[in-house]
C-alpha atoms as a PDB file:
ATOM      1  CA  UNK A   1       3.651  34.278  -4.493  1.00  0.00           C
ATOM      2  CA  UNK A   2       1.636  31.554  -2.214  1.00  0.00           C
ATOM      3  CA  UNK A   3       2.707  28.287  -1.415  1.00  0.00           C
ATOM      4  CA  UNK A   4       1.957  25.619  -4.723  1.00  0.00           C
ATOM      5  CA  UNK A   5       1.916  29.017  -6.860  1.00  0.00           C
ATOM      6  CA  UNK A   6       4.778  29.184  -9.568  1.00  0.00           C
ATOM      7  CA  UNK A   7       5.770  31.543 -12.216  1.00  0.00           C
ATOM      8  CA  UNK A   8       3.787  29.755 -16.071  1.00  0.00           C
ATOM      9  CA  UNK A   9       6.790  31.396 -17.580  1.00  0.00           C
ATOM     10  CA  UNK A  10       9.590  29.359 -15.598  1.00  0.00           C
ATOM     11  CA  UNK A  11       7.412  25.937 -17.101  1.00  0.00           C
ATOM     12  CA  UNK A  12       8.007  27.067 -20.809  1.00  0.00           C
ATOM     13  CA  UNK A  13      10.873  26.747 -23.045  1.00  0.00           C
ATOM     14  CA  UNK A  14      12.761  24.480 -20.633  1.00  0.00           C
ATOM     15  CA  UNK A  15      15.410  22.898 -22.709  1.00  0.00           C
ATOM     16  CA  UNK A  16      17.670  19.981 -21.206  1.00  0.00           C
ATOM     17  CA  UNK A  17      21.179  20.044 -21.268  1.00  0.00           C
ATOM     18  CA  UNK A  18      22.004  16.490 -22.487  1.00  0.00           C
ATOM     19  CA  UNK A  19      25.749  17.904 -22.988  1.00  0.00           C
ATOM     20  CA  UNK A  20      26.687  17.118 -19.012  1.00  0.00           C
ATOM     21  CA  UNK A  21      28.654  13.846 -19.310  1.00  0.00           C
ATOM     22  CA  UNK A  22      25.972  11.956 -17.429  1.00  0.00           C
ATOM     23  CA  UNK A  23      24.446   8.661 -19.076  1.00  0.00           C
ATOM     24  CA  UNK A  24      21.060   7.235 -19.584  1.00  0.00           C
ATOM     25  CA  UNK A  25      20.040   3.903 -18.362  1.00  0.00           C
ATOM     26  CA  UNK A  26      19.886   1.251 -21.019  1.00  0.00           C
ATOM     27  CA  UNK A  27      16.888  -0.408 -19.818  1.00  0.00           C
ATOM     28  CA  UNK A  28      16.803  -3.607 -22.636  1.00  0.00           C
ATOM     29  CA  UNK A  29      20.399  -3.736 -22.477  1.00  0.00           C
ATOM     30  CA  UNK A  30      20.226  -7.330 -20.794  1.00  0.00           C
ATOM     31  CA  UNK A  31      16.989  -8.470 -21.758  1.00  0.00           C
ATOM     32  CA  UNK A  32      16.848 -12.223 -22.262  1.00  0.00           C
ATOM     33  CA  UNK A  33      14.107 -14.505 -23.623  1.00  0.00           C
ATOM     34  CA  UNK A  34      13.704 -18.057 -22.792  1.00  0.00           C
ATOM     35  CA  UNK A  35      12.654 -20.355 -20.013  1.00  0.00           C
ATOM     36  CA  UNK A  36      12.522 -20.934 -16.275  1.00  0.00           C
ATOM     37  CA  UNK A  37      11.918 -24.691 -15.303  1.00  0.00           C
ATOM     38  CA  UNK A  38      12.518 -25.974 -12.173  1.00  0.00           C
ATOM     39  CA  UNK A  39      11.187 -29.197  -9.763  1.00  0.00           C
ATOM     40  CA  UNK A  40      10.346 -29.848  -6.553  1.00  0.00           C
ATOM     41  CA  UNK A  41       9.605 -32.432  -4.308  1.00  0.00           C
ATOM     42  CA  UNK A  42       6.926 -29.885  -1.949  1.00  0.00           C
ATOM     43  CA  UNK A  43       2.918 -30.040  -2.740  1.00  0.00           C
ATOM     44  CA  UNK A  44       1.395 -27.583  -3.980  1.00  0.00           C
ATOM     45  CA  UNK A  45      -0.903 -27.232  -0.701  1.00  0.00           C
ATOM     46  CA  UNK A  46       3.205 -27.161   0.647  1.00  0.00           C
ATOM     47  CA  UNK A  47       4.037 -24.534  -0.659  1.00  0.00           C
ATOM     48  CA  UNK A  48       0.594 -22.719  -0.355  1.00  0.00           C
ATOM     49  CA  UNK A  49       1.327 -23.088   3.356  1.00  0.00           C
ATOM     50  CA  UNK A  50       4.775 -22.066   3.092  1.00  0.00           C
ATOM     51  CA  UNK A  51       3.897 -18.749   1.354  1.00  0.00           C
ATOM     52  CA  UNK A  52       1.102 -18.098   4.176  1.00  0.00           C
ATOM     53  CA  UNK A  53       3.750 -18.825   7.037  1.00  0.00           C
ATOM     54  CA  UNK A  54       5.584 -15.915   5.292  1.00  0.00           C
ATOM     55  CA  UNK A  55       3.038 -13.557   5.017  1.00  0.00           C
ATOM     56  CA  UNK A  56       1.750 -14.306   8.458  1.00  0.00           C
ATOM     57  CA  UNK A  57       5.546 -13.149   9.206  1.00  0.00           C
ATOM     58  CA  UNK A  58       5.700  -9.867   8.041  1.00  0.00           C
END
């Protein structure tokens, strides 16, 4: 077989063995609903300037 070739019969009828003791990831286990708020003395211009400095450092 050449590069990139495969036997199509190997791709069909594949069974997943769920009895191997591994556990899946519960992606919604720690979902939270609510709000986040904060107060700052910095102006929008100050925050934009800080963001620009951070991007320049990268």
